Every structure is written in C-alpha cells, then in structure tokens.
Protein backbone atom coordinates (compact mmCIF):
# COMPACT_ATOMS: atom_id res chain seq x y z
CA UNK A 1 -39.94 -29.41 -9.55
CA UNK A 2 -43.11 -31.80 -8.98
CA UNK A 3 -44.47 -30.68 -12.05
CA UNK A 4 -41.52 -31.56 -14.12
CA UNK A 5 -41.24 -34.97 -12.43
CA UNK A 6 -44.81 -35.65 -13.13
CA UNK A 7 -44.47 -34.57 -16.80
CA UNK A 8 -41.40 -36.52 -16.95
CA UNK A 9 -42.85 -39.80 -15.79
CA UNK A 10 -46.01 -39.29 -17.89
CA UNK A 11 -43.82 -38.96 -21.05
CA UNK A 12 -41.96 -42.15 -20.05
CA UNK A 13 -45.23 -44.15 -19.73
CA UNK A 14 -46.09 -43.31 -23.11
CA UNK A 15 -42.91 -44.69 -24.37
CA UNK A 16 -43.47 -47.74 -22.46
CA UNK A 17 -46.77 -48.20 -24.07
CA UNK A 18 -45.47 -47.88 -27.37
CA UNK A 19 -42.64 -50.43 -26.58
CA UNK A 20 -45.21 -52.94 -25.42
CA UNK A 21 -47.48 -52.24 -28.66
CA UNK A 22 -44.02 -53.16 -30.62
CA UNK A 23 -44.28 -56.53 -28.70
CA UNK A 24 -40.72 -55.87 -27.01
CA UNK A 25 -42.32 -56.07 -23.61
CA UNK A 26 -45.54 -57.97 -22.51
CA UNK A 27 -48.75 -56.44 -24.05
CA UNK A 28 -50.20 -55.83 -20.62
CA UNK A 29 -48.32 -52.68 -20.63
CA UNK A 30 -49.92 -51.49 -23.77
CA UNK A 31 -53.37 -51.51 -22.27
CA UNK A 32 -54.96 -47.89 -21.91
CA UNK A 33 -57.82 -47.26 -19.58
CA UNK A 34 -60.88 -46.83 -21.67
CA UNK A 35 -62.41 -43.78 -19.73
CA UNK A 36 -59.26 -41.77 -18.99
CA UNK A 37 -57.01 -42.86 -21.77
CA UNK A 38 -54.22 -43.37 -19.32
CA UNK A 39 -51.67 -46.31 -19.71
CA UNK A 40 -52.33 -47.55 -16.16
CA UNK A 41 -49.86 -50.65 -16.10
CA UNK A 42 -47.18 -48.56 -17.92
CA UNK A 43 -47.44 -45.78 -15.49
CA UNK A 44 -47.17 -48.47 -12.52
CA UNK A 45 -44.02 -49.82 -14.24
CA UNK A 46 -42.28 -46.57 -14.80
CA UNK A 47 -43.18 -44.99 -11.56
CA UNK A 48 -43.14 -47.61 -8.82
CA UNK A 49 -39.53 -48.64 -9.24
CA UNK A 50 -38.45 -45.11 -8.46
CA UNK A 51 -39.87 -45.21 -5.00
CA UNK A 52 -36.98 -45.84 -2.45
CA UNK A 53 -39.27 -47.60 -0.15
CA UNK A 54 -40.19 -50.13 -2.64
CA UNK A 55 -36.41 -50.67 -3.54
CA UNK A 56 -35.57 -51.05 0.24
CA UNK A 57 -38.44 -53.42 0.68
CA UNK A 58 -37.33 -55.53 -2.05
CA UNK A 59 -33.72 -55.50 -0.75
CA UNK A 60 -35.17 -56.36 2.76
CA UNK A 61 -36.98 -59.41 1.38
CA UNK A 62 -33.91 -60.49 -0.45
CA UNK A 63 -31.82 -60.39 3.04
CA UNK A 64 -34.74 -62.33 4.80
CA UNK A 65 -35.11 -64.83 2.00
CA UNK A 66 -31.30 -65.51 1.96
CA UNK A 67 -31.33 -65.70 5.86
CA UNK A 68 -34.17 -68.29 5.67
CA UNK A 69 -32.22 -70.18 3.14
CA UNK A 70 -29.20 -70.31 5.55
CA UNK A 71 -31.57 -71.59 8.22
CA UNK A 72 -33.18 -74.18 5.93
CA UNK A 73 -29.71 -75.39 4.90
CA UNK A 74 -28.46 -75.73 8.25
CA UNK A 75 -31.65 -77.88 9.29
CA UNK A 76 -31.37 -80.04 6.08
CA UNK A 77 -29.10 -83.02 5.74
CA UNK A 78 -27.13 -81.31 3.11
CA UNK A 79 -23.61 -80.17 4.40
CA UNK A 80 -22.02 -78.81 1.29
CA UNK A 81 -20.57 -75.42 1.22
CA UNK A 82 -22.31 -74.38 -2.29
CA UNK A 83 -25.76 -73.62 -0.83
CA UNK A 84 -24.19 -71.30 1.92
CA UNK A 85 -22.12 -69.43 -0.70
CA UNK A 86 -25.06 -68.68 -2.91
CA UNK A 87 -27.09 -67.59 0.11
CA UNK A 88 -24.19 -65.53 1.25
CA UNK A 89 -24.04 -64.00 -2.17
CA UNK A 90 -27.78 -63.15 -2.34
CA UNK A 91 -27.43 -61.75 1.15
CA UNK A 92 -24.42 -59.62 0.11
CA UNK A 93 -26.29 -58.38 -2.84
CA UNK A 94 -29.62 -57.41 -0.95
CA UNK A 95 -27.30 -55.45 1.57
CA UNK A 96 -25.33 -53.84 -1.09
CA UNK A 97 -28.72 -52.78 -2.83
CA UNK A 98 -29.62 -51.21 0.67
CA UNK A 99 -26.22 -49.56 0.94
CA UNK A 100 -26.68 -47.65 -2.47
CA UNK A 101 -30.30 -46.47 -1.54
CA UNK A 102 -30.54 -42.74 -1.06
CA UNK A 103 -30.58 -41.73 2.67
CA UNK A 104 -33.37 -39.54 4.15
CA UNK A 105 -30.79 -37.87 6.43
CA UNK A 106 -27.23 -38.06 6.85
CA UNK A 107 -25.95 -37.48 10.47
CA UNK A 108 -23.46 -34.67 10.97
CA UNK A 109 -22.10 -35.25 14.25
CA UNK A 110 -22.83 -38.85 15.17
CA UNK A 111 -24.38 -41.93 13.39
CA UNK A 112 -24.62 -45.54 13.65
CA UNK A 113 -21.55 -47.31 12.10
CA UNK A 114 -21.75 -49.77 9.22
CA UNK A 115 -25.24 -49.37 8.41
CA UNK A 116 -26.85 -51.39 6.59
CA UNK A 117 -24.20 -54.00 6.97
CA UNK A 118 -24.60 -54.66 10.89
CA UNK A 119 -28.48 -54.61 10.81
CA UNK A 120 -28.43 -56.86 8.00
CA UNK A 121 -25.98 -59.25 9.59
CA UNK A 122 -28.30 -59.23 12.75
CA UNK A 123 -31.18 -60.14 10.54
CA UNK A 124 -29.27 -63.14 9.29
CA UNK A 125 -28.13 -64.35 12.90
CA UNK A 126 -31.73 -63.87 14.32
CA UNK A 127 -33.45 -65.74 11.64
CA UNK A 128 -30.71 -68.43 11.79
CA UNK A 129 -31.24 -68.76 15.60
CA UNK A 130 -34.92 -68.68 15.25
CA UNK A 131 -34.59 -71.15 12.35
CA UNK A 132 -32.58 -73.50 14.48
CA UNK A 133 -35.12 -73.85 17.39
CA UNK A 134 -37.13 -76.80 17.63
CA UNK A 135 -40.87 -76.90 16.89
CA UNK A 136 -42.10 -76.56 20.49
CA UNK A 137 -39.62 -73.55 21.18
CA UNK A 138 -40.67 -72.05 17.85
CA UNK A 139 -44.41 -72.11 18.86
CA UNK A 140 -43.45 -70.65 22.03
CA UNK A 141 -41.71 -67.79 20.27
CA UNK A 142 -44.54 -67.24 17.90
CA UNK A 143 -47.14 -67.14 21.06
CA UNK A 144 -45.22 -64.82 22.90
CA UNK A 145 -44.72 -62.63 19.91
CA UNK A 146 -48.42 -62.51 19.17
CA UNK A 147 -49.27 -61.82 22.78
CA UNK A 148 -46.79 -58.90 22.80
CA UNK A 149 -48.08 -57.46 19.81
CA UNK A 150 -51.64 -57.51 20.85
CA UNK A 151 -50.69 -56.06 24.15
CA UNK A 152 -49.05 -53.19 22.21
CA UNK A 153 -51.97 -52.76 20.14
CA UNK A 154 -54.67 -52.50 22.84
CA UNK A 155 -52.37 -51.04 25.74
CA UNK A 156 -49.17 -49.51 24.79
CA UNK A 157 -50.35 -47.72 21.65
CA UNK A 158 -53.12 -45.95 23.58
CA UNK A 159 -50.79 -44.99 26.46
CA UNK A 160 -48.28 -43.45 24.29
CA UNK A 161 -51.14 -41.57 22.43
CA UNK A 162 -52.35 -40.38 25.85
CA UNK A 163 -48.90 -39.24 27.05
CA UNK A 164 -48.20 -37.40 23.65
CA UNK A 165 -51.60 -35.45 23.81
CA UNK A 166 -51.24 -34.68 27.57
CA UNK A 167 -47.93 -33.14 26.67
CA UNK A 168 -49.49 -31.04 23.87
CA UNK A 169 -52.17 -29.73 26.47
CA UNK A 170 -49.67 -28.79 29.06
CA UNK A 171 -47.67 -26.90 26.74
C-alpha cells in the first residue's frame, strides 16, 4: 500500500510541475532539483496538505486566531456585532474542519462527547479570559507559565522517565 501511495504522489507532482510550466500556478512549482531531477516544491505542494497533522494545526490556528480576535474586539472601543459574527464564523469553520478530520481511534465503549466542539469552545473562553486581563496580571500569567514549563523540563520530565524505566527493570 505504501508503494502505491508513493507512486501516486510522485505522479501527481509531475502533473503539478506541468501545470506550473503552463503558468496556471506560480512558476516556483515548476522548479526541478538540478542533481536529482525531482520537482521539490511540487512534491511539497502535493504531499504536505494530505497530512492530517498539518490540517489539524491549520484548523487549530484558525480557532486560536478567531479567539484572539474576539478578545481584541472586546478590549477595543468597537461595540458592533459584525466583528463578533465574523470571528464566530471563522471559529465555527476551524472547528468544523477539525470535526471532518480522520480520527486515529474511535472509542468503542466510552468517549469524550462533542469533540472537537467543547475543546474548541474552551480555547475561545480561555483565550478570551486571558485577553481580558490587565497588563500586570497577564505578565504574572506569563511568568508563572514559564516557571512551570522550566520546572517540568528540568524536574518533572526526568522524574517521569526514571519512573518509567524503574517499572521496566522491575518487570
């Protein structure tokens, strides 16, 4: 199966290269590596969007961006509903994109309800609350988060590693 997917993607990149040479898309996709003869940019264009992780990250950035937009609107002097409606539609489209992504595993007995809607809504609420803080409170939040991350990297991560290997040795 991997071979057929690889051959299929390589064939598609050749089509993309020819389309770029016909000036239907930017010419950068027509460039071929001088040593290997591989259309590098066309390969990246054809293969990268198929990756579920990339699609998820794009949807997540859309959700985060719309959340920051709502917070920025709230803190500005504008009180119209149009900005909130646009931000809500952008949030909805990002969350809907996440909902249509393929799942790694579907639970048979019990699963978290309303995924990705509830997690996406919690992102909006948390970023709104963080954005509503004053400058001093926001700086305190950043400092506490940085201290927590440093502590985890230097202490917690190693403790978890040690416990995992201690269990392997005793088994």
